[in-house]
Amino acid sequence: MSFLNQLKSQASALQTEQSTDKAMLEANCQQTEWACKTAWQYLSELAKNLDIVKPNGPALSLDGKTPWPSMRLTDFRVDARRKKLRDQEVFDYIAMGWNLVPRQGVPQGASVSANFPPGLQRIESRLAAGTVRHERVEVRHPEKKTLQAFRFDYKTEARGTIAITASHDDATLGFRLANVRAFEIVSVAYPADLVRYDLMDELAKLIVGEASTFLP
């Protein structure tokens, strides 16, 4: 085989490989868009109905010892953003958020304290996860003025969110759940072809506190 024919063979193999890669990327993109549209439509309908039902919220505590009052979920909102991918407009992410407020009455002021790093870190991470409005106060000895603890004064209201991020090239959807079961942030990813109404039903069950298989 002449050197020119060798180059022709290499070029042909590369073209075939590139065509295959392009076709796979296009198929993955279409599958991901279908999954995103499914998730968007489902969450949009879910938010409308949950805003009427106002389901019970999870049991909450910032320090694991001081319980919050019984909570409910209200003010559901759904949003989506799009982006350009290879000259095509596609979903970037889909998000649903809601408020967690007391089932009876209005948010009340409360406090928790911590004087050791593990407890302090736990409280601060849960405050951040729940976007809980609070103030951090140093508690000092009345005479020695030495630091004894940190007190966190807060209101019993928080936020819950679900953010779905699309990865079109590998056809996956990443789910980031904040404060669905407790003050926590949990992430899980699913192949786009599994994001159907049955999977979204499991997500809805998780939000309202029913038995669910959505999280591994």
N, C-alpha and C. Protein backbone atom coordinates (compact mmCIF):
# COMPACT_ATOMS: atom_id res chain seq x y z
N MET A 1 0.85 -1.20 0.00
CA MET A 1 0.00 0.00 0.00
C MET A 1 0.89 1.24 0.00
N SER A 2 0.59 2.17 -0.92
CA SER A 2 1.39 3.40 -0.99
C SER A 2 1.13 4.25 0.25
N PHE A 3 2.04 5.19 0.50
CA PHE A 3 1.90 6.09 1.64
C PHE A 3 0.62 6.91 1.53
N LEU A 4 0.29 7.33 0.30
CA LEU A 4 -0.94 8.11 0.10
C LEU A 4 -2.16 7.27 0.46
N ASN A 5 -2.15 6.01 0.08
CA ASN A 5 -3.30 5.15 0.41
C ASN A 5 -3.40 4.92 1.92
N GLN A 6 -2.24 4.87 2.59
CA GLN A 6 -2.25 4.76 4.04
C GLN A 6 -2.93 5.97 4.67
N LEU A 7 -2.59 7.17 4.16
CA LEU A 7 -3.21 8.39 4.67
C LEU A 7 -4.72 8.40 4.40
N LYS A 8 -5.09 7.93 3.19
CA LYS A 8 -6.52 7.86 2.86
C LYS A 8 -7.25 6.93 3.81
N SER A 9 -6.62 5.82 4.15
CA SER A 9 -7.23 4.85 5.06
C SER A 9 -7.40 5.44 6.45
N GLN A 10 -6.35 6.15 6.92
CA GLN A 10 -6.43 6.79 8.23
C GLN A 10 -7.53 7.85 8.25
N ALA A 11 -7.60 8.66 7.19
CA ALA A 11 -8.61 9.72 7.12
C ALA A 11 -10.01 9.14 7.10
N SER A 12 -10.18 8.05 6.35
CA SER A 12 -11.50 7.42 6.27
C SER A 12 -11.92 6.87 7.63
N ALA A 13 -10.96 6.25 8.34
CA ALA A 13 -11.28 5.70 9.67
C ALA A 13 -11.64 6.81 10.64
N LEU A 14 -10.91 7.95 10.56
CA LEU A 14 -11.21 9.07 11.44
C LEU A 14 -12.58 9.67 11.13
N GLN A 15 -12.92 9.78 9.85
CA GLN A 15 -14.23 10.31 9.47
C GLN A 15 -15.35 9.42 10.00
N THR A 16 -15.15 8.12 9.87
CA THR A 16 -16.16 7.18 10.37
C THR A 16 -16.32 7.32 11.88
N GLU A 17 -15.18 7.43 12.59
CA GLU A 17 -15.22 7.57 14.05
C GLU A 17 -15.89 8.88 14.46
N GLN A 18 -15.57 9.97 13.75
CA GLN A 18 -16.16 11.26 14.07
C GLN A 18 -17.66 11.26 13.80
N SER A 19 -18.06 10.61 12.71
CA SER A 19 -19.49 10.53 12.39
C SER A 19 -20.24 9.75 13.45
N THR A 20 -19.60 8.65 13.91
CA THR A 20 -20.22 7.84 14.96
C THR A 20 -20.35 8.64 16.26
N ASP A 21 -19.27 9.36 16.62
CA ASP A 21 -19.30 10.17 17.84
C ASP A 21 -20.37 11.25 17.75
N LYS A 22 -20.47 11.91 16.58
CA LYS A 22 -21.46 12.96 16.40
C LYS A 22 -22.87 12.42 16.52
N ALA A 23 -23.10 11.25 15.90
CA ALA A 23 -24.43 10.64 15.97
C ALA A 23 -24.78 10.27 17.40
N MET A 24 -23.78 9.76 18.15
CA MET A 24 -24.03 9.39 19.54
C MET A 24 -24.34 10.62 20.39
N LEU A 25 -23.59 11.71 20.17
CA LEU A 25 -23.84 12.93 20.92
C LEU A 25 -25.23 13.49 20.61
N GLU A 26 -25.61 13.44 19.34
CA GLU A 26 -26.94 13.94 18.97
C GLU A 26 -28.04 13.09 19.60
N ALA A 27 -27.83 11.76 19.61
CA ALA A 27 -28.83 10.87 20.22
C ALA A 27 -28.92 11.13 21.73
N ASN A 28 -27.76 11.30 22.37
CA ASN A 28 -27.75 11.59 23.81
C ASN A 28 -28.43 12.91 24.11
N CYS A 29 -28.19 13.89 23.25
CA CYS A 29 -28.79 15.21 23.45
C CYS A 29 -30.32 15.13 23.34
N GLN A 30 -30.81 14.42 22.35
CA GLN A 30 -32.25 14.27 22.17
C GLN A 30 -32.88 13.55 23.36
N GLN A 31 -32.20 12.49 23.84
CA GLN A 31 -32.71 11.74 24.98
C GLN A 31 -32.75 12.61 26.22
N THR A 32 -31.72 13.42 26.41
CA THR A 32 -31.65 14.30 27.58
C THR A 32 -32.73 15.38 27.51
N GLU A 33 -32.94 15.94 26.34
CA GLU A 33 -33.98 16.96 26.18
C GLU A 33 -35.37 16.38 26.46
N TRP A 34 -35.59 15.17 26.01
CA TRP A 34 -36.88 14.52 26.28
C TRP A 34 -37.07 14.34 27.79
N ALA A 35 -35.99 13.91 28.47
CA ALA A 35 -36.06 13.72 29.92
C ALA A 35 -36.29 15.05 30.64
N CYS A 36 -35.61 16.10 30.19
CA CYS A 36 -35.78 17.42 30.80
C CYS A 36 -37.21 17.93 30.61
N LYS A 37 -37.75 17.72 29.44
CA LYS A 37 -39.12 18.16 29.18
C LYS A 37 -40.10 17.40 30.08
N THR A 38 -39.85 16.10 30.25
CA THR A 38 -40.68 15.30 31.14
C THR A 38 -40.62 15.84 32.57
N ALA A 39 -39.39 16.10 33.05
CA ALA A 39 -39.22 16.61 34.41
C ALA A 39 -39.86 17.98 34.58
N TRP A 40 -39.69 18.84 33.58
CA TRP A 40 -40.26 20.20 33.63
C TRP A 40 -41.78 20.15 33.71
N GLN A 41 -42.39 19.35 32.85
CA GLN A 41 -43.85 19.25 32.84
C GLN A 41 -44.37 18.65 34.14
N TYR A 42 -43.67 17.64 34.64
CA TYR A 42 -44.11 16.98 35.87
C TYR A 42 -44.03 17.95 37.06
N LEU A 43 -42.87 18.60 37.21
CA LEU A 43 -42.70 19.50 38.35
C LEU A 43 -43.65 20.69 38.27
N SER A 44 -43.94 21.17 37.08
CA SER A 44 -44.87 22.29 36.92
C SER A 44 -46.26 21.91 37.43
N GLU A 45 -46.72 20.71 37.07
CA GLU A 45 -48.02 20.25 37.54
C GLU A 45 -47.98 19.93 39.03
N LEU A 46 -46.89 19.34 39.47
CA LEU A 46 -46.75 18.99 40.88
C LEU A 46 -46.80 20.23 41.76
N ALA A 47 -46.10 21.28 41.35
CA ALA A 47 -46.06 22.50 42.16
C ALA A 47 -47.45 23.11 42.32
N LYS A 48 -48.23 23.11 41.25
CA LYS A 48 -49.59 23.67 41.32
C LYS A 48 -50.43 22.93 42.35
N ASN A 49 -50.32 21.61 42.35
CA ASN A 49 -51.15 20.81 43.26
C ASN A 49 -50.64 20.86 44.70
N LEU A 50 -49.32 20.81 44.87
CA LEU A 50 -48.79 20.88 46.23
C LEU A 50 -49.03 22.24 46.86
N ASP A 51 -49.11 23.28 46.04
CA ASP A 51 -49.38 24.61 46.58
C ASP A 51 -50.78 24.67 47.18
N ILE A 52 -51.68 23.81 46.70
CA ILE A 52 -53.03 23.74 47.26
C ILE A 52 -53.06 22.80 48.47
N VAL A 53 -52.41 21.65 48.33
CA VAL A 53 -52.43 20.64 49.39
C VAL A 53 -51.66 21.09 50.63
N LYS A 54 -50.54 21.80 50.42
CA LYS A 54 -49.66 22.22 51.52
C LYS A 54 -49.32 21.03 52.43
N PRO A 55 -48.55 20.09 51.92
CA PRO A 55 -48.27 18.86 52.67
C PRO A 55 -47.42 19.11 53.91
N ASN A 56 -47.43 18.13 54.80
CA ASN A 56 -46.60 18.21 55.99
C ASN A 56 -45.12 18.17 55.61
N GLY A 57 -44.32 18.91 56.35
CA GLY A 57 -42.89 18.92 56.12
C GLY A 57 -42.17 17.89 56.97
N PRO A 58 -40.87 17.73 56.77
CA PRO A 58 -40.09 16.76 57.56
C PRO A 58 -39.87 17.27 58.98
N ALA A 59 -39.49 16.36 59.85
CA ALA A 59 -39.09 16.74 61.21
C ALA A 59 -37.73 17.43 61.14
N LEU A 60 -37.64 18.60 61.73
CA LEU A 60 -36.42 19.40 61.62
C LEU A 60 -35.80 19.68 62.98
N SER A 61 -34.49 19.74 62.99
CA SER A 61 -33.74 20.15 64.18
C SER A 61 -32.35 20.57 63.73
N LEU A 62 -31.87 21.66 64.30
CA LEU A 62 -30.54 22.15 63.93
C LEU A 62 -29.43 21.44 64.69
N ASP A 63 -29.72 21.04 65.92
CA ASP A 63 -28.68 20.40 66.74
C ASP A 63 -28.97 18.94 67.05
N GLY A 64 -30.09 18.42 66.53
CA GLY A 64 -30.45 17.04 66.81
C GLY A 64 -31.14 16.85 68.14
N LYS A 65 -31.30 17.91 68.91
CA LYS A 65 -31.92 17.83 70.24
C LYS A 65 -33.11 18.77 70.39
N THR A 66 -33.05 19.90 69.71
CA THR A 66 -34.09 20.91 69.83
C THR A 66 -35.02 20.84 68.62
N PRO A 67 -36.21 20.23 68.76
CA PRO A 67 -37.08 20.06 67.59
C PRO A 67 -37.76 21.36 67.17
N TRP A 68 -37.95 21.48 65.89
CA TRP A 68 -38.78 22.55 65.36
C TRP A 68 -40.25 22.15 65.50
N PRO A 69 -41.16 23.11 65.37
CA PRO A 69 -42.58 22.75 65.38
C PRO A 69 -42.93 21.93 64.14
N SER A 70 -44.10 21.33 64.14
CA SER A 70 -44.58 20.63 62.94
C SER A 70 -44.64 21.62 61.79
N MET A 71 -44.07 21.22 60.64
CA MET A 71 -43.94 22.14 59.52
C MET A 71 -44.84 21.74 58.36
N ARG A 72 -45.06 22.68 57.46
CA ARG A 72 -45.77 22.41 56.22
C ARG A 72 -45.00 23.05 55.06
N LEU A 73 -45.27 22.59 53.86
CA LEU A 73 -44.60 23.08 52.66
C LEU A 73 -45.54 24.00 51.90
N THR A 74 -45.08 25.20 51.55
CA THR A 74 -45.93 26.18 50.88
C THR A 74 -45.15 26.92 49.80
N ASP A 75 -45.90 27.68 49.00
CA ASP A 75 -45.31 28.61 48.02
C ASP A 75 -44.36 27.91 47.06
N PHE A 76 -44.84 26.90 46.39
CA PHE A 76 -44.03 26.16 45.42
C PHE A 76 -43.84 26.97 44.15
N ARG A 77 -42.63 26.99 43.66
CA ARG A 77 -42.30 27.69 42.42
C ARG A 77 -41.37 26.81 41.58
N VAL A 78 -41.57 26.85 40.25
CA VAL A 78 -40.74 26.08 39.33
C VAL A 78 -40.12 27.03 38.32
N ASP A 79 -38.87 26.79 37.99
CA ASP A 79 -38.15 27.64 37.04
C ASP A 79 -37.24 26.76 36.19
N ALA A 80 -36.87 27.25 35.03
CA ALA A 80 -35.95 26.54 34.15
C ALA A 80 -35.11 27.55 33.38
N ARG A 81 -33.90 27.16 33.07
CA ARG A 81 -33.00 27.98 32.27
C ARG A 81 -32.48 27.16 31.10
N ARG A 82 -32.23 27.83 29.99
CA ARG A 82 -31.74 27.16 28.81
C ARG A 82 -30.37 27.71 28.43
N LYS A 83 -29.66 26.97 27.58
CA LYS A 83 -28.32 27.38 27.15
C LYS A 83 -28.11 26.92 25.72
N LYS A 84 -27.03 27.38 25.12
CA LYS A 84 -26.65 26.98 23.76
C LYS A 84 -25.66 25.82 23.84
N LEU A 85 -25.92 24.78 23.08
CA LEU A 85 -25.02 23.63 22.98
C LEU A 85 -24.91 23.24 21.51
N ARG A 86 -23.71 23.44 20.95
CA ARG A 86 -23.48 23.16 19.53
C ARG A 86 -24.57 23.80 18.66
N ASP A 87 -24.78 25.10 18.90
CA ASP A 87 -25.73 25.92 18.13
C ASP A 87 -27.19 25.48 18.31
N GLN A 88 -27.45 24.74 19.34
CA GLN A 88 -28.82 24.31 19.63
C GLN A 88 -29.20 24.78 21.03
N GLU A 89 -30.42 25.27 21.20
CA GLU A 89 -30.88 25.69 22.51
C GLU A 89 -31.41 24.48 23.26
N VAL A 90 -30.86 24.25 24.47
CA VAL A 90 -31.24 23.09 25.26
C VAL A 90 -31.46 23.52 26.72
N PHE A 91 -32.03 22.61 27.50
CA PHE A 91 -32.20 22.86 28.93
C PHE A 91 -30.83 22.90 29.61
N ASP A 92 -30.65 23.87 30.49
CA ASP A 92 -29.47 23.92 31.34
C ASP A 92 -29.80 23.30 32.69
N TYR A 93 -30.84 23.83 33.34
CA TYR A 93 -31.28 23.24 34.60
C TYR A 93 -32.76 23.54 34.83
N ILE A 94 -33.36 22.76 35.71
CA ILE A 94 -34.75 22.92 36.13
C ILE A 94 -34.74 22.95 37.66
N ALA A 95 -35.51 23.84 38.25
CA ALA A 95 -35.50 23.95 39.71
C ALA A 95 -36.91 24.12 40.25
N MET A 96 -37.15 23.55 41.41
CA MET A 96 -38.39 23.78 42.14
C MET A 96 -38.01 24.13 43.58
N GLY A 97 -38.65 25.16 44.13
CA GLY A 97 -38.39 25.58 45.49
C GLY A 97 -39.68 25.81 46.25
N TRP A 98 -39.58 25.74 47.56
CA TRP A 98 -40.76 25.97 48.40
C TRP A 98 -40.30 26.44 49.78
N ASN A 99 -41.25 26.97 50.54
CA ASN A 99 -40.98 27.42 51.91
C ASN A 99 -41.41 26.34 52.89
N LEU A 100 -40.67 26.23 53.98
CA LEU A 100 -41.05 25.39 55.12
C LEU A 100 -41.41 26.33 56.26
N VAL A 101 -42.66 26.28 56.69
CA VAL A 101 -43.16 27.16 57.74
C VAL A 101 -43.95 26.33 58.75
N PRO A 102 -44.15 26.85 59.97
CA PRO A 102 -44.94 26.10 60.96
C PRO A 102 -46.35 25.80 60.47
N ARG A 103 -46.81 24.61 60.78
CA ARG A 103 -48.17 24.24 60.38
C ARG A 103 -49.20 25.09 61.12
N GLN A 104 -48.91 25.45 62.34
CA GLN A 104 -49.79 26.31 63.12
C GLN A 104 -49.07 27.62 63.42
N GLY A 105 -49.75 28.73 63.20
CA GLY A 105 -49.18 30.03 63.54
C GLY A 105 -48.12 30.49 62.55
N VAL A 106 -47.26 31.35 63.02
CA VAL A 106 -46.24 31.96 62.18
C VAL A 106 -44.85 31.56 62.69
N PRO A 107 -43.81 31.77 61.91
CA PRO A 107 -42.45 31.45 62.38
C PRO A 107 -42.13 32.18 63.68
N GLN A 108 -41.50 31.44 64.57
CA GLN A 108 -41.16 31.97 65.88
C GLN A 108 -39.65 32.00 66.08
N GLY A 109 -39.20 32.85 66.98
CA GLY A 109 -37.79 32.90 67.31
C GLY A 109 -37.40 31.76 68.24
N ALA A 110 -36.20 31.22 68.03
CA ALA A 110 -35.69 30.14 68.87
C ALA A 110 -34.17 30.21 68.87
N SER A 111 -33.54 29.40 69.72
CA SER A 111 -32.08 29.43 69.84
C SER A 111 -31.53 28.04 70.09
N VAL A 112 -30.32 27.81 69.59
CA VAL A 112 -29.54 26.62 69.94
C VAL A 112 -28.11 27.07 70.20
N SER A 113 -27.37 26.30 70.98
CA SER A 113 -25.99 26.65 71.32
C SER A 113 -25.07 25.47 71.08
N ALA A 114 -23.80 25.77 70.87
CA ALA A 114 -22.78 24.73 70.71
C ALA A 114 -21.46 25.27 71.23
N ASN A 115 -20.70 24.40 71.88
CA ASN A 115 -19.41 24.83 72.40
C ASN A 115 -18.26 23.93 71.97
N PHE A 116 -18.53 22.94 71.11
CA PHE A 116 -17.49 22.07 70.58
C PHE A 116 -17.57 22.07 69.05
N PRO A 117 -16.46 21.94 68.36
CA PRO A 117 -16.45 22.02 66.89
C PRO A 117 -17.43 21.11 66.17
N PRO A 118 -17.57 19.83 66.52
CA PRO A 118 -18.53 18.99 65.77
C PRO A 118 -19.96 19.53 65.81
N GLY A 119 -20.41 19.91 67.01
CA GLY A 119 -21.75 20.46 67.13
C GLY A 119 -21.90 21.78 66.42
N LEU A 120 -20.87 22.61 66.50
CA LEU A 120 -20.89 23.90 65.84
C LEU A 120 -20.98 23.74 64.33
N GLN A 121 -20.18 22.83 63.79
CA GLN A 121 -20.19 22.59 62.35
C GLN A 121 -21.53 22.03 61.89
N ARG A 122 -22.10 21.15 62.70
CA ARG A 122 -23.40 20.56 62.36
C ARG A 122 -24.47 21.64 62.27
N ILE A 123 -24.52 22.51 63.25
CA ILE A 123 -25.53 23.57 63.25
C ILE A 123 -25.33 24.51 62.08
N GLU A 124 -24.09 24.91 61.84
CA GLU A 124 -23.83 25.86 60.75
C GLU A 124 -24.15 25.25 59.39
N SER A 125 -23.84 23.98 59.19
CA SER A 125 -24.15 23.35 57.90
C SER A 125 -25.64 23.23 57.69
N ARG A 126 -26.39 22.97 58.76
CA ARG A 126 -27.85 22.85 58.62
C ARG A 126 -28.50 24.21 58.42
N LEU A 127 -27.98 25.23 59.06
CA LEU A 127 -28.47 26.59 58.81
C LEU A 127 -28.26 26.98 57.36
N ALA A 128 -27.08 26.65 56.83
CA ALA A 128 -26.78 26.98 55.44
C ALA A 128 -27.65 26.19 54.48
N ALA A 129 -27.83 24.89 54.75
CA ALA A 129 -28.64 24.04 53.88
C ALA A 129 -30.08 24.55 53.80
N GLY A 130 -30.60 24.99 54.95
CA GLY A 130 -31.99 25.45 54.99
C GLY A 130 -32.19 26.92 54.69
N THR A 131 -31.07 27.62 54.40
CA THR A 131 -31.11 29.08 54.22
C THR A 131 -31.95 29.73 55.34
N VAL A 132 -31.64 29.33 56.56
CA VAL A 132 -32.37 29.81 57.74
C VAL A 132 -31.79 31.15 58.18
N ARG A 133 -32.64 32.14 58.31
CA ARG A 133 -32.19 33.44 58.82
C ARG A 133 -31.80 33.32 60.28
N HIS A 134 -30.61 33.81 60.62
CA HIS A 134 -30.13 33.62 61.98
C HIS A 134 -29.06 34.65 62.32
N GLU A 135 -28.75 34.71 63.59
CA GLU A 135 -27.63 35.50 64.08
C GLU A 135 -26.76 34.62 64.97
N ARG A 136 -25.46 34.75 64.81
CA ARG A 136 -24.51 33.99 65.64
C ARG A 136 -23.98 34.91 66.74
N VAL A 137 -24.15 34.47 67.98
CA VAL A 137 -23.80 35.30 69.14
C VAL A 137 -22.76 34.58 69.99
N GLU A 138 -21.73 35.28 70.39
CA GLU A 138 -20.75 34.71 71.30
C GLU A 138 -21.28 34.76 72.73
N VAL A 139 -21.21 33.64 73.42
CA VAL A 139 -21.62 33.55 74.82
C VAL A 139 -20.35 33.51 75.67
N ARG A 140 -20.16 34.52 76.50
CA ARG A 140 -18.94 34.63 77.32
C ARG A 140 -19.25 34.55 78.80
N HIS A 141 -18.26 34.11 79.53
CA HIS A 141 -18.39 34.03 80.99
C HIS A 141 -18.63 35.43 81.54
N PRO A 142 -19.60 35.59 82.44
CA PRO A 142 -19.96 36.94 82.92
C PRO A 142 -18.81 37.67 83.62
N GLU A 143 -17.90 36.92 84.24
CA GLU A 143 -16.80 37.56 84.96
C GLU A 143 -15.47 37.45 84.20
N LYS A 144 -15.13 36.25 83.78
CA LYS A 144 -13.84 36.03 83.11
C LYS A 144 -13.85 36.49 81.65
N LYS A 145 -15.04 36.63 81.09
CA LYS A 145 -15.20 37.05 79.71
C LYS A 145 -14.62 36.05 78.70
N THR A 146 -14.36 34.84 79.15
CA THR A 146 -13.86 33.83 78.23
C THR A 146 -15.02 33.28 77.40
N LEU A 147 -14.70 32.86 76.17
CA LEU A 147 -15.72 32.34 75.26
C LEU A 147 -16.19 30.97 75.75
N GLN A 148 -17.49 30.83 75.96
CA GLN A 148 -18.05 29.58 76.45
C GLN A 148 -18.79 28.79 75.37
N ALA A 149 -19.44 29.50 74.49
CA ALA A 149 -20.22 28.81 73.46
C ALA A 149 -20.64 29.83 72.40
N PHE A 150 -21.20 29.30 71.34
CA PHE A 150 -21.84 30.14 70.33
C PHE A 150 -23.34 29.85 70.35
N ARG A 151 -24.13 30.89 70.37
CA ARG A 151 -25.58 30.75 70.35
C ARG A 151 -26.09 31.22 68.98
N PHE A 152 -27.00 30.45 68.44
CA PHE A 152 -27.60 30.81 67.15
C PHE A 152 -29.07 31.14 67.37
N ASP A 153 -29.43 32.39 67.13
CA ASP A 153 -30.81 32.84 67.23
C ASP A 153 -31.42 32.80 65.83
N TYR A 154 -32.54 32.14 65.68
CA TYR A 154 -33.09 31.93 64.34
C TYR A 154 -34.61 31.99 64.36
N LYS A 155 -35.18 32.04 63.17
CA LYS A 155 -36.63 31.95 62.98
C LYS A 155 -36.96 30.57 62.42
N THR A 156 -38.07 30.01 62.84
CA THR A 156 -38.45 28.67 62.40
C THR A 156 -39.11 28.71 61.01
N GLU A 157 -38.31 29.06 60.03
CA GLU A 157 -38.72 29.00 58.63
C GLU A 157 -37.48 28.71 57.79
N ALA A 158 -37.68 27.95 56.71
CA ALA A 158 -36.54 27.52 55.90
C ALA A 158 -36.99 27.36 54.45
N ARG A 159 -36.06 26.91 53.61
CA ARG A 159 -36.35 26.70 52.20
C ARG A 159 -35.99 25.26 51.81
N GLY A 160 -36.80 24.70 50.94
CA GLY A 160 -36.49 23.41 50.33
C GLY A 160 -36.36 23.60 48.83
N THR A 161 -35.46 22.87 48.21
CA THR A 161 -35.26 23.02 46.77
C THR A 161 -34.90 21.69 46.12
N ILE A 162 -35.22 21.61 44.84
CA ILE A 162 -34.75 20.52 43.99
C ILE A 162 -34.19 21.17 42.73
N ALA A 163 -32.95 20.87 42.40
CA ALA A 163 -32.33 21.38 41.18
C ALA A 163 -31.92 20.20 40.31
N ILE A 164 -32.33 20.24 39.05
CA ILE A 164 -32.01 19.18 38.10
C ILE A 164 -31.11 19.78 37.03
N THR A 165 -29.91 19.24 36.91
CA THR A 165 -28.93 19.73 35.95
C THR A 165 -28.73 18.71 34.84
N ALA A 166 -28.81 19.19 33.60
CA ALA A 166 -28.71 18.29 32.45
C ALA A 166 -27.27 18.16 31.97
N SER A 167 -26.87 16.92 31.71
CA SER A 167 -25.57 16.65 31.08
C SER A 167 -25.86 15.95 29.76
N HIS A 168 -25.91 16.73 28.69
CA HIS A 168 -26.39 16.22 27.41
C HIS A 168 -25.43 15.24 26.74
N ASP A 169 -24.14 15.45 26.88
CA ASP A 169 -23.19 14.59 26.16
C ASP A 169 -23.21 13.16 26.67
N ASP A 170 -23.42 12.97 27.98
CA ASP A 170 -23.49 11.59 28.49
C ASP A 170 -24.90 11.18 28.89
N ALA A 171 -25.89 11.99 28.53
CA ALA A 171 -27.31 11.66 28.71
C ALA A 171 -27.64 11.29 30.15
N THR A 172 -27.32 12.20 31.08
CA THR A 172 -27.68 12.01 32.48
C THR A 172 -28.30 13.28 33.03
N LEU A 173 -29.11 13.11 34.06
CA LEU A 173 -29.68 14.24 34.80
C LEU A 173 -29.25 14.12 36.25
N GLY A 174 -28.67 15.20 36.78
CA GLY A 174 -28.27 15.23 38.17
C GLY A 174 -29.31 15.93 39.02
N PHE A 175 -29.70 15.31 40.12
CA PHE A 175 -30.71 15.85 41.03
C PHE A 175 -30.02 16.27 42.33
N ARG A 176 -30.21 17.51 42.73
CA ARG A 176 -29.69 18.01 44.00
C ARG A 176 -30.89 18.39 44.87
N LEU A 177 -31.05 17.69 45.99
CA LEU A 177 -32.20 17.86 46.87
C LEU A 177 -31.75 18.52 48.17
N ALA A 178 -32.37 19.62 48.51
CA ALA A 178 -32.05 20.34 49.75
C ALA A 178 -33.25 20.34 50.68
N ASN A 179 -33.08 19.76 51.87
CA ASN A 179 -34.07 19.81 52.94
C ASN A 179 -35.39 19.12 52.58
N VAL A 180 -35.28 18.01 51.89
CA VAL A 180 -36.47 17.23 51.57
C VAL A 180 -36.83 16.30 52.72
N ARG A 181 -35.80 15.65 53.31
CA ARG A 181 -36.04 14.72 54.42
C ARG A 181 -35.66 15.31 55.77
N ALA A 182 -34.75 16.26 55.77
CA ALA A 182 -34.22 16.90 56.98
C ALA A 182 -33.37 18.06 56.51
N PHE A 183 -32.63 18.69 57.42
CA PHE A 183 -31.66 19.71 57.01
C PHE A 183 -30.46 18.99 56.40
N GLU A 184 -30.50 18.78 55.11
CA GLU A 184 -29.43 18.06 54.42
C GLU A 184 -29.48 18.37 52.93
N ILE A 185 -28.36 18.14 52.28
CA ILE A 185 -28.28 18.26 50.82
C ILE A 185 -27.83 16.91 50.28
N VAL A 186 -28.62 16.34 49.38
CA VAL A 186 -28.35 15.02 48.81
C VAL A 186 -28.33 15.14 47.30
N SER A 187 -27.37 14.47 46.67
CA SER A 187 -27.27 14.50 45.21
C SER A 187 -27.30 13.08 44.65
N VAL A 188 -27.99 12.93 43.52
CA VAL A 188 -28.06 11.64 42.85
C VAL A 188 -28.21 11.91 41.36
N ALA A 189 -27.71 11.02 40.52
CA ALA A 189 -27.81 11.17 39.07
C ALA A 189 -28.52 9.97 38.48
N TYR A 190 -29.30 10.23 37.42
CA TYR A 190 -30.01 9.16 36.73
C TYR A 190 -29.77 9.26 35.22
N PRO A 191 -29.64 8.12 34.53
CA PRO A 191 -29.61 8.16 33.07
C PRO A 191 -30.90 8.79 32.54
N ALA A 192 -30.75 9.54 31.47
CA ALA A 192 -31.91 10.28 30.94
C ALA A 192 -33.07 9.37 30.58
N ASP A 193 -32.77 8.16 30.11
CA ASP A 193 -33.86 7.28 29.69
C ASP A 193 -34.67 6.73 30.86
N LEU A 194 -34.19 6.94 32.09
CA LEU A 194 -34.95 6.50 33.26
C LEU A 194 -35.81 7.61 33.85
N VAL A 195 -35.62 8.84 33.36
CA VAL A 195 -36.38 9.96 33.90
C VAL A 195 -37.74 10.01 33.23
N ARG A 196 -38.62 9.20 33.76
CA ARG A 196 -40.00 9.11 33.28
C ARG A 196 -40.94 9.43 34.42
N TYR A 197 -42.23 9.35 34.15
CA TYR A 197 -43.20 9.73 35.18
C TYR A 197 -43.13 8.81 36.40
N ASP A 198 -42.75 7.54 36.20
CA ASP A 198 -42.68 6.66 37.37
C ASP A 198 -41.56 7.09 38.31
N LEU A 199 -40.41 7.53 37.75
CA LEU A 199 -39.33 8.02 38.60
C LEU A 199 -39.73 9.34 39.27
N MET A 200 -40.38 10.22 38.51
CA MET A 200 -40.81 11.50 39.08
C MET A 200 -41.87 11.30 40.16
N ASP A 201 -42.69 10.25 40.03
CA ASP A 201 -43.64 9.91 41.09
C ASP A 201 -42.91 9.60 42.39
N GLU A 202 -41.79 8.89 42.27
CA GLU A 202 -41.01 8.56 43.47
C GLU A 202 -40.42 9.81 44.10
N LEU A 203 -40.02 10.76 43.25
CA LEU A 203 -39.52 12.04 43.77
C LEU A 203 -40.62 12.79 44.50
N ALA A 204 -41.82 12.80 43.92
CA ALA A 204 -42.96 13.48 44.56
C ALA A 204 -43.29 12.85 45.91
N LYS A 205 -43.25 11.52 45.97
CA LYS A 205 -43.50 10.84 47.25
C LYS A 205 -42.48 11.27 48.30
N LEU A 206 -41.23 11.40 47.87
CA LEU A 206 -40.17 11.80 48.80
C LEU A 206 -40.44 13.20 49.35
N ILE A 207 -40.89 14.10 48.49
CA ILE A 207 -41.15 15.48 48.91
C ILE A 207 -42.24 15.53 49.98
N VAL A 208 -43.27 14.73 49.82
CA VAL A 208 -44.39 14.78 50.76
C VAL A 208 -44.23 13.83 51.93
N GLY A 209 -43.09 13.16 52.02
CA GLY A 209 -42.81 12.33 53.18
C GLY A 209 -43.34 10.91 53.13
N GLU A 210 -43.72 10.44 51.94
CA GLU A 210 -44.18 9.05 51.81
C GLU A 210 -43.00 8.15 51.45
N ALA A 211 -43.19 6.84 51.61
CA ALA A 211 -42.16 5.87 51.28
C ALA A 211 -41.79 6.02 49.80
N SER A 212 -40.48 6.07 49.51
CA SER A 212 -40.03 6.36 48.15
C SER A 212 -38.75 5.59 47.86
N THR A 213 -38.58 5.24 46.60
CA THR A 213 -37.36 4.57 46.14
C THR A 213 -36.48 5.52 45.35
N PHE A 214 -36.75 6.81 45.41
CA PHE A 214 -36.00 7.75 44.55
C PHE A 214 -34.53 7.81 44.93
N LEU A 215 -34.23 7.86 46.22
CA LEU A 215 -32.83 7.90 46.66
C LEU A 215 -32.33 6.49 46.94
N PRO A 216 -31.13 6.16 46.49
CA PRO A 216 -30.59 4.80 46.72
C PRO A 216 -30.52 4.48 48.21
